[in-house]
Protein backbone atom coordinates (compact mmCIF):
# COMPACT_ATOMS: atom_id res chain seq x y z
CA UNK A 1 -3.83 73.97 49.22
CA UNK A 2 -6.58 75.02 51.62
CA UNK A 3 -6.76 73.51 55.09
CA UNK A 4 -9.89 71.52 55.91
CA UNK A 5 -10.49 70.65 59.55
CA UNK A 6 -10.49 66.84 59.84
CA UNK A 7 -12.10 66.92 63.30
CA UNK A 8 -15.78 67.39 64.11
CA UNK A 9 -16.42 69.52 67.16
CA UNK A 10 -18.73 67.86 69.68
CA UNK A 11 -20.02 69.79 72.68
CA UNK A 12 -19.36 68.54 76.19
CA UNK A 13 -22.31 66.85 77.91
CA UNK A 14 -24.32 68.94 80.37
CA UNK A 15 -24.31 66.13 82.91
CA UNK A 16 -21.36 63.75 83.13
CA UNK A 17 -18.88 62.14 85.46
CA UNK A 18 -15.69 64.02 86.20
CA UNK A 19 -13.40 62.17 83.76
CA UNK A 20 -15.96 62.29 80.95
CA UNK A 21 -16.60 66.00 81.50
CA UNK A 22 -12.91 66.94 81.63
CA UNK A 23 -11.97 64.91 78.55
CA UNK A 24 -15.00 66.15 76.59
CA UNK A 25 -14.16 69.79 77.33
CA UNK A 26 -10.54 69.24 76.34
CA UNK A 27 -11.61 67.58 73.09
CA UNK A 28 -13.99 70.47 72.36
CA UNK A 29 -11.14 72.96 72.77
CA UNK A 30 -8.79 70.82 70.68
CA UNK A 31 -11.33 70.74 67.84
CA UNK A 32 -12.03 74.46 68.25
CA UNK A 33 -8.36 75.21 67.62
CA UNK A 34 -8.47 73.43 64.28
CA UNK A 35 -11.64 75.32 63.26
CA UNK A 36 -9.51 78.48 63.41
CA UNK A 37 -7.40 77.11 60.55
CA UNK A 38 -10.31 75.97 58.39
CA UNK A 39 -10.38 77.41 54.88
CA UNK A 40 -6.95 79.05 54.98
CA UNK A 41 -4.07 78.42 52.60
CA UNK A 42 -0.54 77.81 53.84
CA UNK A 43 0.66 81.43 53.78
CA UNK A 44 -2.07 82.83 56.07
CA UNK A 45 -1.62 79.86 58.43
CA UNK A 46 2.04 80.82 58.82
CA UNK A 47 1.51 84.59 58.84
CA UNK A 48 2.73 86.28 61.99
CA UNK A 49 0.40 89.17 62.70
CA UNK A 50 1.53 89.90 66.26
CA UNK A 51 4.87 91.46 67.25
CA UNK A 52 5.86 88.18 68.96
CA UNK A 53 5.71 86.35 65.63
CA UNK A 54 2.80 84.14 66.72
CA UNK A 55 0.89 82.40 63.92
CA UNK A 56 -2.05 80.01 63.76
CA UNK A 57 0.17 77.12 62.70
CA UNK A 58 2.66 78.03 65.42
CA UNK A 59 -0.06 77.63 68.05
CA UNK A 60 -0.87 74.14 66.74
CA UNK A 61 2.83 73.27 66.75
CA UNK A 62 3.20 74.48 70.33
CA UNK A 63 0.14 72.59 71.55
CA UNK A 64 1.42 69.36 69.96
CA UNK A 65 4.50 69.67 72.19
CA UNK A 66 2.39 70.58 75.21
CA UNK A 67 0.16 67.51 74.71
CA UNK A 68 3.23 65.28 74.51
CA UNK A 69 4.92 67.01 77.43
CA UNK A 70 2.08 66.71 79.91
CA UNK A 71 0.57 63.36 78.97
CA UNK A 72 3.24 61.17 77.33
CA UNK A 73 6.41 62.49 78.92
CA UNK A 74 5.12 63.88 82.22
CA UNK A 75 2.24 61.63 83.21
CA UNK A 76 3.04 58.35 81.40
CA UNK A 77 6.81 58.82 81.82
CA UNK A 78 7.60 57.69 78.28
CA UNK A 79 11.20 58.05 77.17
CA UNK A 80 11.04 59.57 73.70
CA UNK A 81 12.35 62.59 71.85
CA UNK A 82 10.32 65.78 72.05
CA UNK A 83 8.31 66.36 68.89
CA UNK A 84 9.84 69.12 66.78
CA UNK A 85 13.01 68.94 68.93
CA UNK A 86 14.16 70.46 72.20
CA UNK A 87 15.34 74.01 72.73
CA UNK A 88 16.41 76.24 75.60
CA UNK A 89 14.29 78.98 74.00
CA UNK A 90 10.86 78.76 75.65
CA UNK A 91 9.17 80.24 72.57
CA UNK A 92 10.81 77.87 70.06
CA UNK A 93 7.80 75.55 70.01
CA UNK A 94 5.73 78.37 68.46
CA UNK A 95 8.09 78.89 65.52
CA UNK A 96 7.27 77.13 62.27
CA UNK A 97 10.28 76.31 60.12
CA UNK A 98 10.09 76.83 56.35
CA UNK A 99 10.59 73.08 55.83
CA UNK A 100 7.67 72.13 58.09
CA UNK A 101 4.37 71.51 56.36
CA UNK A 102 0.87 72.20 57.60
CA UNK A 103 0.04 68.50 57.18
CA UNK A 104 3.07 67.52 59.28
CA UNK A 105 2.27 69.92 62.10
CA UNK A 106 -1.47 69.24 62.21
CA UNK A 107 -0.84 65.49 61.84
CA UNK A 108 1.57 65.56 64.77
CA UNK A 109 -0.95 67.51 66.83
CA UNK A 110 -3.70 64.99 66.05
CA UNK A 111 -1.41 62.06 66.94
CA UNK A 112 -0.37 63.68 70.23
CA UNK A 113 -4.03 64.35 71.11
CA UNK A 114 -5.02 60.77 70.32
CA UNK A 115 -2.17 59.40 72.39
CA UNK A 116 -3.12 61.71 75.24
CA UNK A 117 -6.67 60.33 75.09
CA UNK A 118 -5.30 56.79 75.27
CA UNK A 119 -3.09 57.63 78.25
CA UNK A 120 -5.99 59.24 80.12
CA UNK A 121 -8.30 56.31 79.34
CA UNK A 122 -5.73 53.82 80.62
CA UNK A 123 -5.12 55.69 83.88
CA UNK A 124 -6.71 54.05 86.90
CA UNK A 125 -7.76 57.28 88.56
CA UNK A 126 -7.74 61.05 88.19
CA UNK A 127 -5.99 60.98 91.57
CA UNK A 128 -2.91 59.29 90.10
CA UNK A 129 -0.06 61.74 90.75
CA UNK A 130 3.33 62.14 89.13
CA UNK A 131 6.38 64.23 90.04
CA UNK A 132 6.50 67.78 88.70
CA UNK A 133 9.59 69.99 88.87
CA UNK A 134 7.71 73.18 89.74
CA UNK A 135 4.87 71.85 91.88
CA UNK A 136 6.30 68.75 93.53
CA UNK A 137 3.47 66.53 92.30
CA UNK A 138 0.45 66.89 90.02
CA UNK A 139 -2.41 64.47 89.53
CA UNK A 140 -4.12 63.58 86.28
CA UNK A 141 -7.07 65.81 87.20
CA UNK A 142 -4.70 68.81 87.48
CA UNK A 143 -3.12 67.96 84.11
CA UNK A 144 -6.52 67.75 82.40
CA UNK A 145 -7.66 71.05 83.91
CA UNK A 146 -4.37 72.67 82.94
CA UNK A 147 -4.66 71.38 79.37
CA UNK A 148 -8.22 72.72 79.08
CA UNK A 149 -6.94 76.11 80.28
CA UNK A 150 -3.86 76.01 78.03
CA UNK A 151 -5.79 75.05 74.91
CA UNK A 152 -8.63 77.51 75.62
CA UNK A 153 -6.15 80.35 76.20
CA UNK A 154 -4.45 79.64 72.88
CA UNK A 155 -7.85 79.45 71.20
CA UNK A 156 -8.29 83.06 72.29
CA UNK A 157 -4.99 83.91 70.60
CA UNK A 158 -6.14 82.00 67.52
CA UNK A 159 -9.42 83.99 67.48
CA UNK A 160 -7.50 87.27 67.37
CA UNK A 161 -4.98 86.04 64.80
CA UNK A 162 -7.68 84.69 62.49
CA UNK A 163 -9.58 87.97 62.66
CA UNK A 164 -6.40 89.86 61.77
CA UNK A 165 -5.59 87.44 58.93
CA UNK A 166 -8.93 87.50 57.10
CA UNK A 167 -11.63 89.04 59.30
CA UNK A 168 -13.23 85.72 60.28
CA UNK A 169 -14.67 85.63 63.78
CA UNK A 170 -16.52 83.01 65.77
CA UNK A 171 -16.00 80.23 68.25
């Protein structure tokens, strides 16, 4: 089966309020990630072409956990199990198990992104802060900026992986 991106990429507005601009840029990067998978069968999506074992599907898996971690668990404080399970190995979220399907991983990513959007929309202010183990406190603005950076950085990895897998380049 060949992956078809279910998300349409929409550019961020040139003029917008802060929340609209931040959420639009994050959505653009989320959709960009899934364009990197478009047209590939399962094997190339799982193929590790870097010495670390990183794959396109592994990036999506990781970002599903990151979405849940920052928005649902960290900001909203929801008490729920971590998607794909917890591990002391910091790179475990990138590893795709043989029993995990592309549909499951992408579906989880899409659900985590949608829930993150709902959490952000329900927040009273970008100034709303929550405790953070490493930084003391972070506000919603910081989380959104971090998620834009995190997703964009992994899009760069996905660019390189896709080019190594089948020569496709582009943003």
